[in-house]
Amino acid sequence: MSIEALPGAARVLTDRIAVAAAAAQWVSEQAARSNPFRIALSGGSTPQFLYEALASSTFKSGIDWSRWQVYFSDERAVAPDHHDSNYRLVHDTLLSKVPIHPANVHRIDAGGPDLDAAATAYSRLLEAESGRPPRLDVVLLGVGADGHTASLFPGTPALDVVDAWATRGRADFEPFDRITMTFPAINAAAHIGFLITGNEKAAALRGVIDGSAPAARVRPDDGELLWFLDAAAAGTLG
Protein backbone atom coordinates (compact mmCIF):
# COMPACT_ATOMS: atom_id res chain seq x y z
CA MET A 1 0.00 0.00 0.00
CA SER A 2 1.10 3.58 -0.57
CA ILE A 3 -0.23 7.06 0.09
CA GLU A 4 -1.30 7.20 -3.57
CA ALA A 5 -3.96 4.63 -2.67
CA LEU A 6 -5.67 7.02 -0.25
CA PRO A 7 -8.86 8.57 -1.62
CA GLY A 8 -8.43 12.18 -2.64
CA ALA A 9 -5.01 13.86 -2.56
CA ALA A 10 -2.24 13.69 0.03
CA ARG A 11 0.44 16.11 1.17
CA VAL A 12 3.38 14.73 3.15
CA LEU A 13 5.14 17.12 5.55
CA THR A 14 8.13 16.57 7.79
CA ASP A 15 6.43 16.65 11.20
CA ARG A 16 3.27 17.71 13.02
CA ILE A 17 4.33 21.35 13.13
CA ALA A 18 4.76 21.36 9.36
CA VAL A 19 1.38 19.61 9.01
CA ALA A 20 -0.23 22.33 11.11
CA ALA A 21 1.38 25.11 9.05
CA ALA A 22 0.34 23.57 5.73
CA ALA A 23 -3.20 22.96 6.95
CA ALA A 24 -3.41 26.51 8.32
CA GLN A 25 -2.38 27.90 4.94
CA TRP A 26 -5.02 25.76 3.24
CA VAL A 27 -7.74 26.82 5.68
CA SER A 28 -6.83 30.50 5.30
CA GLU A 29 -7.05 30.17 1.51
CA GLN A 30 -10.51 28.61 1.72
CA ALA A 31 -11.63 31.29 4.20
CA ALA A 32 -10.59 34.03 1.76
CA ARG A 33 -12.85 32.55 -0.93
CA SER A 34 -16.08 32.34 1.08
CA ASN A 35 -18.25 34.85 2.89
CA PRO A 36 -19.56 33.57 5.19
CA PHE A 37 -16.92 30.91 5.73
CA ARG A 38 -18.45 27.86 7.38
CA ILE A 39 -15.99 25.47 9.00
CA ALA A 40 -16.41 22.43 11.26
CA LEU A 41 -13.56 21.92 13.71
CA SER A 42 -12.50 18.77 15.52
CA GLY A 43 -10.70 17.90 18.73
CA GLY A 44 -7.40 16.13 19.21
CA SER A 45 -3.74 16.94 19.61
CA THR A 46 -2.94 17.33 15.91
CA PRO A 47 -5.71 19.89 15.22
CA GLN A 48 -4.54 21.75 18.33
CA PHE A 49 -1.31 22.63 16.54
CA LEU A 50 -3.36 23.84 13.56
CA TYR A 51 -5.48 26.10 15.77
CA GLU A 52 -2.37 27.52 17.40
CA ALA A 53 -0.92 28.19 13.95
CA LEU A 54 -4.08 30.01 12.82
CA ALA A 55 -3.94 32.19 15.96
CA SER A 56 -0.25 32.97 15.48
CA SER A 57 1.14 36.15 13.95
CA THR A 58 1.84 34.24 10.73
CA PHE A 59 -1.85 33.85 9.90
CA LYS A 60 -4.01 35.82 12.33
CA SER A 61 -3.72 39.29 10.79
CA GLY A 62 -4.27 38.02 7.26
CA ILE A 63 -7.64 36.39 7.97
CA ASP A 64 -10.99 38.19 7.95
CA TRP A 65 -12.41 36.56 11.07
CA SER A 66 -15.74 38.35 10.69
CA ARG A 67 -16.55 35.89 7.90
CA TRP A 68 -16.15 32.82 10.08
CA GLN A 69 -19.05 30.63 11.19
CA VAL A 70 -17.64 27.88 13.39
CA TYR A 71 -19.22 24.46 13.87
CA PHE A 72 -17.94 21.21 15.38
CA SER A 73 -17.62 17.78 13.81
CA ASP A 74 -18.29 16.14 17.17
CA GLU A 75 -18.36 16.69 20.90
CA ARG A 76 -18.00 14.61 24.06
CA ALA A 77 -20.87 14.47 26.58
CA VAL A 78 -19.19 16.82 29.03
CA ALA A 79 -19.58 20.43 30.11
CA PRO A 80 -17.99 23.01 27.76
CA ASP A 81 -15.32 23.86 30.33
CA HIS A 82 -14.39 20.21 30.94
CA HIS A 83 -10.84 19.21 29.99
CA ASP A 84 -12.24 16.58 27.58
CA SER A 85 -14.43 19.08 25.72
CA ASN A 86 -13.61 19.71 22.07
CA TYR A 87 -15.14 23.14 22.46
CA ARG A 88 -12.76 23.95 25.29
CA LEU A 89 -9.77 22.87 23.23
CA VAL A 90 -10.83 25.06 20.31
CA HIS A 91 -11.70 27.95 22.61
CA ASP A 92 -8.39 27.85 24.45
CA THR A 93 -6.20 27.49 21.36
CA LEU A 94 -8.10 29.57 18.78
CA LEU A 95 -11.40 31.23 19.65
CA SER A 96 -10.08 33.14 22.67
CA LYS A 97 -7.17 34.49 20.60
CA VAL A 98 -8.89 35.76 17.43
CA PRO A 99 -11.79 38.20 16.86
CA ILE A 100 -14.54 35.70 16.02
CA HIS A 101 -17.85 36.99 17.38
CA PRO A 102 -19.30 34.55 19.96
CA ALA A 103 -22.60 34.48 18.05
CA ASN A 104 -20.71 32.94 15.12
CA VAL A 105 -19.54 29.97 17.19
CA HIS A 106 -22.05 27.12 17.13
CA ARG A 107 -21.17 24.77 19.98
CA ILE A 108 -22.71 21.31 20.27
CA ASP A 109 -24.57 21.26 23.58
CA ALA A 110 -23.52 17.75 24.61
CA GLY A 111 -23.34 18.42 28.34
CA GLY A 112 -27.07 18.16 29.03
CA PRO A 113 -29.19 15.18 30.04
CA ASP A 114 -30.85 14.54 26.65
CA LEU A 115 -28.24 13.77 24.00
CA ASP A 116 -30.83 12.70 21.43
CA ALA A 117 -32.53 16.09 21.67
CA ALA A 118 -29.19 17.87 21.49
CA ALA A 119 -28.21 15.91 18.38
CA THR A 120 -31.54 16.72 16.74
CA ALA A 121 -31.09 20.39 17.59
CA TYR A 122 -27.61 20.45 16.04
CA SER A 123 -28.84 18.64 12.96
CA ARG A 124 -31.54 21.27 12.52
CA LEU A 125 -29.03 24.07 13.08
CA LEU A 126 -26.71 22.73 10.39
CA GLU A 127 -29.58 22.56 7.92
CA ALA A 128 -30.96 25.98 8.83
CA GLU A 129 -27.54 27.61 8.49
CA SER A 130 -26.10 25.71 5.54
CA GLY A 131 -28.88 24.06 3.56
CA ARG A 132 -30.09 20.53 2.92
CA PRO A 133 -27.67 18.85 2.92
CA PRO A 134 -25.56 21.35 4.87
CA ARG A 135 -22.84 22.65 2.55
CA LEU A 136 -19.99 23.57 4.87
CA ASP A 137 -16.92 25.09 3.26
CA VAL A 138 -14.40 23.07 5.28
CA VAL A 139 -14.64 20.07 7.61
CA LEU A 140 -11.49 19.20 9.57
CA LEU A 141 -11.07 15.61 10.74
CA GLY A 142 -8.62 13.20 12.30
CA VAL A 143 -8.46 9.42 12.37
CA GLY A 144 -8.17 7.32 15.52
CA ALA A 145 -6.03 4.21 15.78
CA ASP A 146 -9.22 2.15 15.35
CA GLY A 147 -10.14 4.02 12.17
CA HIS A 148 -12.85 6.21 13.66
CA THR A 149 -13.31 9.80 12.57
CA ALA A 150 -15.33 12.51 14.32
CA SER A 151 -17.24 10.29 16.79
CA LEU A 152 -18.12 7.69 14.18
CA PHE A 153 -16.72 4.54 15.81
CA PRO A 154 -16.50 1.00 14.43
CA GLY A 155 -19.60 -1.10 14.92
CA THR A 156 -21.85 1.71 16.20
CA PRO A 157 -25.29 2.76 14.92
CA ALA A 158 -24.04 6.27 14.12
CA LEU A 159 -22.17 4.87 11.10
CA ASP A 160 -25.40 4.13 9.28
CA VAL A 161 -27.46 7.24 10.07
CA VAL A 162 -28.58 8.79 6.79
CA ASP A 163 -31.64 10.79 7.83
CA ALA A 164 -29.92 13.36 10.08
CA TRP A 165 -26.87 15.63 9.95
CA ALA A 166 -25.92 14.95 13.59
CA THR A 167 -26.56 11.98 15.84
CA ARG A 168 -25.46 10.31 19.04
CA GLY A 169 -22.10 8.57 18.96
CA ARG A 170 -20.57 6.01 21.27
CA ALA A 171 -16.84 5.66 21.87
CA ASP A 172 -15.04 2.64 23.27
CA PHE A 173 -13.11 4.82 25.72
CA GLU A 174 -14.09 7.60 28.11
CA PRO A 175 -15.96 9.81 27.73
CA PHE A 176 -18.12 7.22 26.01
CA ASP A 177 -21.13 9.31 25.05
CA ARG A 178 -20.78 11.73 22.13
CA ILE A 179 -22.63 13.75 19.53
CA THR A 180 -21.24 13.62 16.02
CA MET A 181 -21.85 14.87 12.54
CA THR A 182 -22.98 12.05 10.26
CA PHE A 183 -21.35 10.90 7.05
CA PRO A 184 -24.02 12.59 4.88
CA ALA A 185 -23.24 15.92 6.55
CA ILE A 186 -19.48 15.46 6.31
CA ASN A 187 -19.59 14.33 2.70
CA ALA A 188 -21.68 17.32 1.68
CA ALA A 189 -18.78 19.68 2.48
CA ALA A 190 -16.91 21.57 -0.22
CA HIS A 191 -13.52 20.70 1.31
CA ILE A 192 -12.55 17.98 3.80
CA GLY A 193 -9.13 17.91 5.41
CA PHE A 194 -7.68 15.03 7.42
CA LEU A 195 -4.73 15.75 9.73
CA ILE A 196 -2.73 12.59 10.49
CA THR A 197 0.55 12.40 12.39
CA GLY A 198 2.59 9.63 13.99
CA ASN A 199 3.29 6.02 13.12
CA GLU A 200 0.55 4.70 15.42
CA LYS A 201 -2.04 5.38 12.68
CA ALA A 202 -0.70 2.70 10.31
CA ALA A 203 -3.59 0.26 10.76
CA ALA A 204 -6.14 3.06 10.49
CA LEU A 205 -4.68 4.36 7.24
CA ARG A 206 -4.61 0.86 5.80
CA GLY A 207 -8.23 0.53 6.85
CA VAL A 208 -9.07 3.68 4.92
CA ILE A 209 -7.43 2.22 1.82
CA ASP A 210 -9.06 -1.21 2.07
CA GLY A 211 -12.42 0.23 3.13
CA SER A 212 -12.64 -1.41 6.56
CA ALA A 213 -12.21 1.74 8.68
CA PRO A 214 -15.12 4.10 9.36
CA ALA A 215 -12.99 6.94 7.99
CA ALA A 216 -13.08 5.19 4.60
CA ARG A 217 -16.69 6.34 4.30
CA VAL A 218 -15.58 9.95 4.02
CA ARG A 219 -15.95 10.55 0.29
CA PRO A 220 -17.14 14.05 -0.67
CA ASP A 221 -20.24 14.09 -2.85
CA ASP A 222 -18.95 17.14 -4.73
CA GLY A 223 -15.80 18.47 -3.11
CA GLU A 224 -12.13 18.14 -2.25
CA LEU A 225 -10.65 15.48 0.02
CA LEU A 226 -7.14 16.27 1.23
CA TRP A 227 -4.84 14.37 3.59
CA PHE A 228 -2.13 16.19 5.56
CA LEU A 229 0.35 13.56 6.74
CA ASP A 230 3.65 13.83 8.53
CA ALA A 231 6.58 11.69 7.43
CA ALA A 232 6.01 9.18 10.24
CA ALA A 233 2.39 8.55 9.23
CA ALA A 234 3.17 8.43 5.52
CA GLY A 235 6.11 6.09 6.13
CA THR A 236 3.83 3.42 7.52
CA LEU A 237 2.33 2.98 4.06
CA GLY A 238 5.66 2.53 2.33
C-alpha atoms as a PDB file:
ATOM      1  CA  MET A   1       0.000   0.000   0.000  1.00  0.00           C
ATOM      2  CA  SER A   2       1.099   3.583  -0.570  1.00  0.00           C
ATOM      3  CA  ILE A   3      -0.228   7.061   0.087  1.00  0.00           C
ATOM      4  CA  GLU A   4      -1.303   7.198  -3.569  1.00  0.00           C
ATOM      5  CA  ALA A   5      -3.962   4.631  -2.670  1.00  0.00           C
ATOM      6  CA  LEU A   6      -5.669   7.019  -0.248  1.00  0.00           C
ATOM      7  CA  PRO A   7      -8.858   8.567  -1.617  1.00  0.00           C
ATOM      8  CA  GLY A   8      -8.429  12.183  -2.639  1.00  0.00           C
ATOM      9  CA  ALA A   9      -5.015  13.865  -2.565  1.00  0.00           C
ATOM     10  CA  ALA A  10      -2.237  13.691   0.030  1.00  0.00           C
ATOM     11  CA  ARG A  11       0.442  16.107   1.169  1.00  0.00           C
ATOM     12  CA  VAL A  12       3.385  14.731   3.146  1.00  0.00           C
ATOM     13  CA  LEU A  13       5.140  17.115   5.555  1.00  0.00           C
ATOM     14  CA  THR A  14       8.133  16.571   7.792  1.00  0.00           C
ATOM     15  CA  ASP A  15       6.428  16.646  11.196  1.00  0.00           C
ATOM     16  CA  ARG A  16       3.266  17.711  13.017  1.00  0.00           C
ATOM     17  CA  ILE A  17       4.330  21.352  13.125  1.00  0.00           C
ATOM     18  CA  ALA A  18       4.760  21.364   9.356  1.00  0.00           C
ATOM     19  CA  VAL A  19       1.385  19.609   9.012  1.00  0.00           C
ATOM     20  CA  ALA A  20      -0.226  22.332  11.108  1.00  0.00           C
ATOM     21  CA  ALA A  21       1.378  25.108   9.049  1.00  0.00           C
ATOM     22  CA  ALA A  22       0.341  23.571   5.730  1.00  0.00           C
ATOM     23  CA  ALA A  23      -3.198  22.961   6.945  1.00  0.00           C
ATOM     24  CA  ALA A  24      -3.414  26.507   8.324  1.00  0.00           C
ATOM     25  CA  GLN A  25      -2.383  27.899   4.942  1.00  0.00           C
ATOM     26  CA  TRP A  26      -5.016  25.757   3.239  1.00  0.00           C
ATOM     27  CA  VAL A  27      -7.742  26.825   5.682  1.00  0.00           C
ATOM     28  CA  SER A  28      -6.834  30.502   5.297  1.00  0.00           C
ATOM     29  CA  GLU A  29      -7.049  30.166   1.509  1.00  0.00           C
ATOM     30  CA  GLN A  30     -10.512  28.611   1.720  1.00  0.00           C
ATOM     31  CA  ALA A  31     -11.626  31.294   4.195  1.00  0.00           C
ATOM     32  CA  ALA A  32     -10.590  34.026   1.764  1.00  0.00           C
ATOM     33  CA  ARG A  33     -12.850  32.553  -0.930  1.00  0.00           C
ATOM     34  CA  SER A  34     -16.082  32.335   1.079  1.00  0.00           C
ATOM     35  CA  ASN A  35     -18.252  34.854   2.893  1.00  0.00           C
ATOM     36  CA  PRO A  36     -19.564  33.572   5.187  1.00  0.00           C
ATOM     37  CA  PHE A  37     -16.918  30.909   5.731  1.00  0.00           C
ATOM     38  CA  ARG A  38     -18.452  27.862   7.382  1.00  0.00           C
ATOM     39  CA  ILE A  39     -15.988  25.465   8.999  1.00  0.00           C
ATOM     40  CA  ALA A  40     -16.412  22.425  11.261  1.00  0.00           C
ATOM     41  CA  LEU A  41     -13.559  21.924  13.713  1.00  0.00           C
ATOM     42  CA  SER A  42     -12.499  18.765  15.520  1.00  0.00           C
ATOM     43  CA  GLY A  43     -10.703  17.902  18.732  1.00  0.00           C
ATOM     44  CA  GLY A  44      -7.403  16.128  19.208  1.00  0.00           C
ATOM     45  CA  SER A  45      -3.736  16.939  19.607  1.00  0.00           C
ATOM     46  CA  THR A  46      -2.940  17.334  15.907  1.00  0.00           C
ATOM     47  CA  PRO A  47      -5.707  19.893  15.215  1.00  0.00           C
ATOM     48  CA  GLN A  48      -4.544  21.754  18.326  1.00  0.00           C
ATOM     49  CA  PHE A  49      -1.314  22.631  16.537  1.00  0.00           C
ATOM     50  CA  LEU A  50      -3.360  23.840  13.560  1.00  0.00           C
ATOM     51  CA  TYR A  51      -5.482  26.105  15.773  1.00  0.00           C
ATOM     52  CA  GLU A  52      -2.371  27.515  17.402  1.00  0.00           C
ATOM     53  CA  ALA A  53      -0.924  28.188  13.954  1.00  0.00           C
ATOM     54  CA  LEU A  54      -4.075  30.014  12.821  1.00  0.00           C
ATOM     55  CA  ALA A  55      -3.941  32.187  15.957  1.00  0.00           C
ATOM     56  CA  SER A  56      -0.254  32.967  15.476  1.00  0.00           C
ATOM     57  CA  SER A  57       1.144  36.155  13.951  1.00  0.00           C
ATOM     58  CA  THR A  58       1.841  34.245  10.734  1.00  0.00           C
ATOM     59  CA  PHE A  59      -1.853  33.850   9.896  1.00  0.00           C
ATOM     60  CA  LYS A  60      -4.009  35.822  12.334  1.00  0.00           C
ATOM     61  CA  SER A  61      -3.716  39.293  10.788  1.00  0.00           C
ATOM     62  CA  GLY A  62      -4.271  38.019   7.256  1.00  0.00           C
ATOM     63  CA  ILE A  63      -7.644  36.389   7.973  1.00  0.00           C
ATOM     64  CA  ASP A  64     -10.994  38.186   7.953  1.00  0.00           C
ATOM     65  CA  TRP A  65     -12.411  36.555  11.067  1.00  0.00           C
ATOM     66  CA  SER A  66     -15.744  38.354  10.689  1.00  0.00           C
ATOM     67  CA  ARG A  67     -16.548  35.890   7.903  1.00  0.00           C
ATOM     68  CA  TRP A  68     -16.154  32.821  10.081  1.00  0.00           C
ATOM     69  CA  GLN A  69     -19.053  30.631  11.187  1.00  0.00           C
ATOM     70  CA  VAL A  70     -17.639  27.876  13.393  1.00  0.00           C
ATOM     71  CA  TYR A  71     -19.216  24.458  13.867  1.00  0.00           C
ATOM     72  CA  PHE A  72     -17.941  21.208  15.383  1.00  0.00           C
ATOM     73  CA  SER A  73     -17.623  17.776  13.813  1.00  0.00           C
ATOM     74  CA  ASP A  74     -18.288  16.135  17.172  1.00  0.00           C
ATOM     75  CA  GLU A  75     -18.355  16.689  20.898  1.00  0.00           C
ATOM     76  CA  ARG A  76     -18.001  14.613  24.056  1.00  0.00           C
ATOM     77  CA  ALA A  77     -20.873  14.471  26.577  1.00  0.00           C
ATOM     78  CA  VAL A  78     -19.191  16.824  29.030  1.00  0.00           C
ATOM     79  CA  ALA A  79     -19.584  20.433  30.110  1.00  0.00           C
ATOM     80  CA  PRO A  80     -17.992  23.005  27.765  1.00  0.00           C
ATOM     81  CA  ASP A  81     -15.324  23.861  30.332  1.00  0.00           C
ATOM     82  CA  HIS A  82     -14.385  20.206  30.940  1.00  0.00           C
ATOM     83  CA  HIS A  83     -10.844  19.209  29.994  1.00  0.00           C
ATOM     84  CA  ASP A  84     -12.238  16.580  27.579  1.00  0.00           C
ATOM     85  CA  SER A  85     -14.432  19.077  25.723  1.00  0.00           C
ATOM     86  CA  ASN A  86     -13.607  19.708  22.070  1.00  0.00           C
ATOM     87  CA  TYR A  87     -15.138  23.144  22.456  1.00  0.00           C
ATOM     88  CA  ARG A  88     -12.763  23.950  25.293  1.00  0.00           C
ATOM     89  CA  LEU A  89      -9.768  22.866  23.227  1.00  0.00           C
ATOM     90  CA  VAL A  90     -10.833  25.056  20.307  1.00  0.00           C
ATOM     91  CA  HIS A  91     -11.701  27.948  22.610  1.00  0.00           C
ATOM     92  CA  ASP A  92      -8.391  27.852  24.449  1.00  0.00           C
ATOM     93  CA  THR A  93      -6.198  27.486  21.365  1.00  0.00           C
ATOM     94  CA  LEU A  94      -8.103  29.570  18.782  1.00  0.00           C
ATOM     95  CA  LEU A  95     -11.403  31.234  19.653  1.00  0.00           C
ATOM     96  CA  SER A  96     -10.079  33.138  22.666  1.00  0.00           C
ATOM     97  CA  LYS A  97      -7.174  34.492  20.595  1.00  0.00           C
ATOM     98  CA  VAL A  98      -8.885  35.756  17.433  1.00  0.00           C
ATOM     99  CA  PRO A  99     -11.789  38.196  16.857  1.00  0.00           C
ATOM    100  CA  ILE A 100     -14.541  35.705  16.019  1.00  0.00           C
ATOM    101  CA  HIS A 101     -17.847  36.987  17.378  1.00  0.00           C
ATOM    102  CA  PRO A 102     -19.301  34.552  19.959  1.00  0.00           C
ATOM    103  CA  ALA A 103     -22.600  34.485  18.046  1.00  0.00           C
ATOM    104  CA  ASN A 104     -20.710  32.943  15.121  1.00  0.00           C
ATOM    105  CA  VAL A 105     -19.536  29.967  17.186  1.00  0.00           C
ATOM    106  CA  HIS A 106     -22.054  27.117  17.132  1.00  0.00           C
ATOM    107  CA  ARG A 107     -21.172  24.775  19.977  1.00  0.00           C
ATOM    108  CA  ILE A 108     -22.709  21.311  20.267  1.00  0.00           C
ATOM    109  CA  ASP A 109     -24.565  21.256  23.584  1.00  0.00           C
ATOM    110  CA  ALA A 110     -23.523  17.748  24.607  1.00  0.00           C
ATOM    111  CA  GLY A 111     -23.336  18.416  28.337  1.00  0.00           C
ATOM    112  CA  GLY A 112     -27.066  18.165  29.027  1.00  0.00           C
ATOM    113  CA  PRO A 113     -29.193  15.180  30.040  1.00  0.00           C
ATOM    114  CA  ASP A 114     -30.851  14.536  26.645  1.00  0.00           C
ATOM    115  CA  LEU A 115     -28.237  13.773  24.001  1.00  0.00           C
ATOM    116  CA  ASP A 116     -30.826  12.700  21.428  1.00  0.00           C
ATOM    117  CA  ALA A 117     -32.535  16.089  21.668  1.00  0.00           C
ATOM    118  CA  ALA A 118     -29.192  17.867  21.495  1.00  0.00           C
ATOM    119  CA  ALA A 119     -28.206  15.908  18.381  1.00  0.00           C
ATOM    120  CA  THR A 120     -31.537  16.718  16.744  1.00  0.00           C
ATOM    121  CA  ALA A 121     -31.088  20.390  17.592  1.00  0.00           C
ATOM    122  CA  TYR A 122     -27.610  20.453  16.040  1.00  0.00           C
ATOM    123  CA  SER A 123     -28.836  18.642  12.957  1.00  0.00           C
ATOM    124  CA  ARG A 124     -31.540  21.272  12.518  1.00  0.00           C
ATOM    125  CA  LEU A 125     -29.032  24.071  13.084  1.00  0.00           C
ATOM    126  CA  LEU A 126     -26.711  22.735  10.387  1.00  0.00           C
ATOM    127  CA  GLU A 127     -29.583  22.563   7.918  1.00  0.00           C
ATOM    128  CA  ALA A 128     -30.965  25.980   8.825  1.00  0.00           C
ATOM    129  CA  GLU A 129     -27.542  27.609   8.491  1.00  0.00           C
ATOM    130  CA  SER A 130     -26.095  25.707   5.545  1.00  0.00           C
ATOM    131  CA  GLY A 131     -28.878  24.061   3.564  1.00  0.00           C
ATOM    132  CA  ARG A 132     -30.089  20.533   2.924  1.00  0.00           C
ATOM    133  CA  PRO A 133     -27.667  18.849   2.923  1.00  0.00           C
ATOM    134  CA  PRO A 134     -25.556  21.347   4.873  1.00  0.00           C
ATOM    135  CA  ARG A 135     -22.845  22.651   2.549  1.00  0.00           C
ATOM    136  CA  LEU A 136     -19.992  23.566   4.871  1.00  0.00           C
ATOM    137  CA  ASP A 137     -16.919  25.088   3.265  1.00  0.00           C
ATOM    138  CA  VAL A 138     -14.402  23.068   5.285  1.00  0.00           C
ATOM    139  CA  VAL A 139     -14.638  20.070   7.615  1.00  0.00           C
ATOM    140  CA  LEU A 140     -11.488  19.197   9.568  1.00  0.00           C
ATOM    141  CA  LEU A 141     -11.067  15.611  10.740  1.00  0.00           C
ATOM    142  CA  GLY A 142      -8.615  13.196  12.297  1.00  0.00           C
ATOM    143  CA  VAL A 143      -8.460   9.416  12.373  1.00  0.00           C
ATOM    144  CA  GLY A 144      -8.172   7.322  15.520  1.00  0.00           C
ATOM    145  CA  ALA A 145      -6.033   4.212  15.775  1.00  0.00           C
ATOM    146  CA  ASP A 146      -9.224   2.152  15.349  1.00  0.00           C
ATOM    147  CA  GLY A 147     -10.144   4.017  12.166  1.00  0.00           C
ATOM    148  CA  HIS A 148     -12.852   6.215  13.657  1.00  0.00           C
ATOM    149  CA  THR A 149     -13.306   9.803  12.574  1.00  0.00           C
ATOM    150  CA  ALA A 150     -15.329  12.512  14.319  1.00  0.00           C
ATOM    151  CA  SER A 151     -17.236  10.292  16.792  1.00  0.00           C
ATOM    152  CA  LEU A 152     -18.123   7.686  14.184  1.00  0.00           C
ATOM    153  CA  PHE A 153     -16.721   4.544  15.806  1.00  0.00           C
ATOM    154  CA  PRO A 154     -16.501   1.000  14.431  1.00  0.00           C
ATOM    155  CA  GLY A 155     -19.604  -1.104  14.915  1.00  0.00           C
ATOM    156  CA  THR A 156     -21.846   1.708  16.199  1.00  0.00           C
ATOM    157  CA  PRO A 157     -25.289   2.763  14.922  1.00  0.00           C
ATOM    158  CA  ALA A 158     -24.036   6.270  14.115  1.00  0.00           C
ATOM    159  CA  LEU A 159     -22.174   4.872  11.099  1.00  0.00           C
ATOM    160  CA  ASP A 160     -25.403   4.135   9.281  1.00  0.00           C
ATOM    161  CA  VAL A 161     -27.460   7.241  10.067  1.00  0.00           C
ATOM    162  CA  VAL A 162     -28.579   8.788   6.786  1.00  0.00           C
ATOM    163  CA  ASP A 163     -31.643  10.785   7.834  1.00  0.00           C
ATOM    164  CA  ALA A 164     -29.918  13.363  10.075  1.00  0.00           C
ATOM    165  CA  TRP A 165     -26.872  15.626   9.951  1.00  0.00           C
ATOM    166  CA  ALA A 166     -25.924  14.955  13.592  1.00  0.00           C
ATOM    167  CA  THR A 167     -26.560  11.984  15.836  1.00  0.00           C
ATOM    168  CA  ARG A 168     -25.455  10.306  19.045  1.00  0.00           C
ATOM    169  CA  GLY A 169     -22.104   8.573  18.955  1.00  0.00           C
ATOM    170  CA  ARG A 170     -20.568   6.013  21.270  1.00  0.00           C
ATOM    171  CA  ALA A 171     -16.838   5.661  21.867  1.00  0.00           C
ATOM    172  CA  ASP A 172     -15.039   2.637  23.272  1.00  0.00           C
ATOM    173  CA  PHE A 173     -13.112   4.821  25.723  1.00  0.00           C
ATOM    174  CA  GLU A 174     -14.089   7.599  28.107  1.00  0.00           C
ATOM    175  CA  PRO A 175     -15.964   9.812  27.733  1.00  0.00           C
ATOM    176  CA  PHE A 176     -18.118   7.222  26.011  1.00  0.00           C
ATOM    177  CA  ASP A 177     -21.127   9.308  25.049  1.00  0.00           C
ATOM    178  CA  ARG A 178     -20.777  11.728  22.128  1.00  0.00           C
ATOM    179  CA  ILE A 179     -22.634  13.749  19.531  1.00  0.00           C
ATOM    180  CA  THR A 180     -21.239  13.621  16.021  1.00  0.00           C
ATOM    181  CA  MET A 181     -21.853  14.873  12.540  1.00  0.00           C
ATOM    182  CA  THR A 182     -22.977  12.051  10.264  1.00  0.00           C
ATOM    183  CA  PHE A 183     -21.354  10.898   7.048  1.00  0.00           C
ATOM    184  CA  PRO A 184     -24.020  12.595   4.883  1.00  0.00           C
ATOM    185  CA  ALA A 185     -23.237  15.921   6.549  1.00  0.00           C
ATOM    186  CA  ILE A 186     -19.478  15.461   6.310  1.00  0.00           C
ATOM    187  CA  ASN A 187     -19.586  14.326   2.698  1.00  0.00           C
ATOM    188  CA  ALA A 188     -21.679  17.325   1.675  1.00  0.00           C
ATOM    189  CA  ALA A 189     -18.775  19.677   2.485  1.00  0.00           C
ATOM    190  CA  ALA A 190     -16.911  21.569  -0.220  1.00  0.00           C
ATOM    191  CA  HIS A 191     -13.523  20.702   1.309  1.00  0.00           C
ATOM    192  CA  ILE A 192     -12.555  17.983   3.803  1.00  0.00           C
ATOM    193  CA  GLY A 193      -9.130  17.913   5.407  1.00  0.00           C
ATOM    194  CA  PHE A 194      -7.675  15.027   7.420  1.00  0.00           C
ATOM    195  CA  LEU A 195      -4.726  15.748   9.729  1.00  0.00           C
ATOM    196  CA  ILE A 196      -2.732  12.586  10.492  1.00  0.00           C
ATOM    197  CA  THR A 197       0.553  12.404  12.395  1.00  0.00           C
ATOM    198  CA  GLY A 198       2.589   9.626  13.986  1.00  0.00           C
ATOM    199  CA  ASN A 199       3.291   6.022  13.123  1.00  0.00           C
ATOM    200  CA  GLU A 200       0.554   4.703  15.421  1.00  0.00           C
ATOM    201  CA  LYS A 201      -2.041   5.377  12.679  1.00  0.00           C
ATOM    202  CA  ALA A 202      -0.701   2.703  10.305  1.00  0.00           C
ATOM    203  CA  ALA A 203      -3.585   0.259  10.764  1.00  0.00           C
ATOM    204  CA  ALA A 204      -6.138   3.064  10.491  1.00  0.00           C
ATOM    205  CA  LEU A 205      -4.681   4.360   7.240  1.00  0.00           C
ATOM    206  CA  ARG A 206      -4.610   0.864   5.801  1.00  0.00           C
ATOM    207  CA  GLY A 207      -8.231   0.533   6.854  1.00  0.00           C
ATOM    208  CA  VAL A 208      -9.072   3.682   4.918  1.00  0.00           C
ATOM    209  CA  ILE A 209      -7.434   2.224   1.824  1.00  0.00           C
ATOM    210  CA  ASP A 210      -9.057  -1.210   2.072  1.00  0.00           C
ATOM    211  CA  GLY A 211     -12.417   0.227   3.134  1.00  0.00           C
ATOM    212  CA  SER A 212     -12.640  -1.413   6.557  1.00  0.00           C
ATOM    213  CA  ALA A 213     -12.215   1.736   8.682  1.00  0.00           C
ATOM    214  CA  PRO A 214     -15.119   4.095   9.362  1.00  0.00           C
ATOM    215  CA  ALA A 215     -12.988   6.941   7.988  1.00  0.00           C
ATOM    216  CA  ALA A 216     -13.077   5.195   4.603  1.00  0.00           C
ATOM    217  CA  ARG A 217     -16.694   6.338   4.298  1.00  0.00           C
ATOM    218  CA  VAL A 218     -15.579   9.947   4.020  1.00  0.00           C
ATOM    219  CA  ARG A 219     -15.946  10.548   0.294  1.00  0.00           C
ATOM    220  CA  PRO A 220     -17.141  14.052  -0.666  1.00  0.00           C
ATOM    221  CA  ASP A 221     -20.238  14.092  -2.853  1.00  0.00           C
ATOM    222  CA  ASP A 222     -18.950  17.142  -4.729  1.00  0.00           C
ATOM    223  CA  GLY A 223     -15.802  18.466  -3.109  1.00  0.00           C
ATOM    224  CA  GLU A 224     -12.129  18.138  -2.251  1.00  0.00           C
ATOM    225  CA  LEU A 225     -10.655  15.482   0.016  1.00  0.00           C
ATOM    226  CA  LEU A 226      -7.141  16.271   1.233  1.00  0.00           C
ATOM    227  CA  TRP A 227      -4.842  14.371   3.591  1.00  0.00           C
ATOM    228  CA  PHE A 228      -2.132  16.194   5.556  1.00  0.00           C
ATOM    229  CA  LEU A 229       0.346  13.556   6.744  1.00  0.00           C
ATOM    230  CA  ASP A 230       3.649  13.828   8.533  1.00  0.00           C
ATOM    231  CA  ALA A 231       6.584  11.686   7.432  1.00  0.00           C
ATOM    232  CA  ALA A 232       6.012   9.177  10.237  1.00  0.00           C
ATOM    233  CA  ALA A 233       2.389   8.549   9.229  1.00  0.00           C
ATOM    234  CA  ALA A 234       3.169   8.431   5.517  1.00  0.00           C
ATOM    235  CA  GLY A 235       6.107   6.093   6.134  1.00  0.00           C
ATOM    236  CA  THR A 236       3.826   3.417   7.523  1.00  0.00           C
ATOM    237  CA  LEU A 237       2.330   2.984   4.062  1.00  0.00           C
ATOM    238  CA  GLY A 238       5.658   2.529   2.332  1.00  0.00           C
END
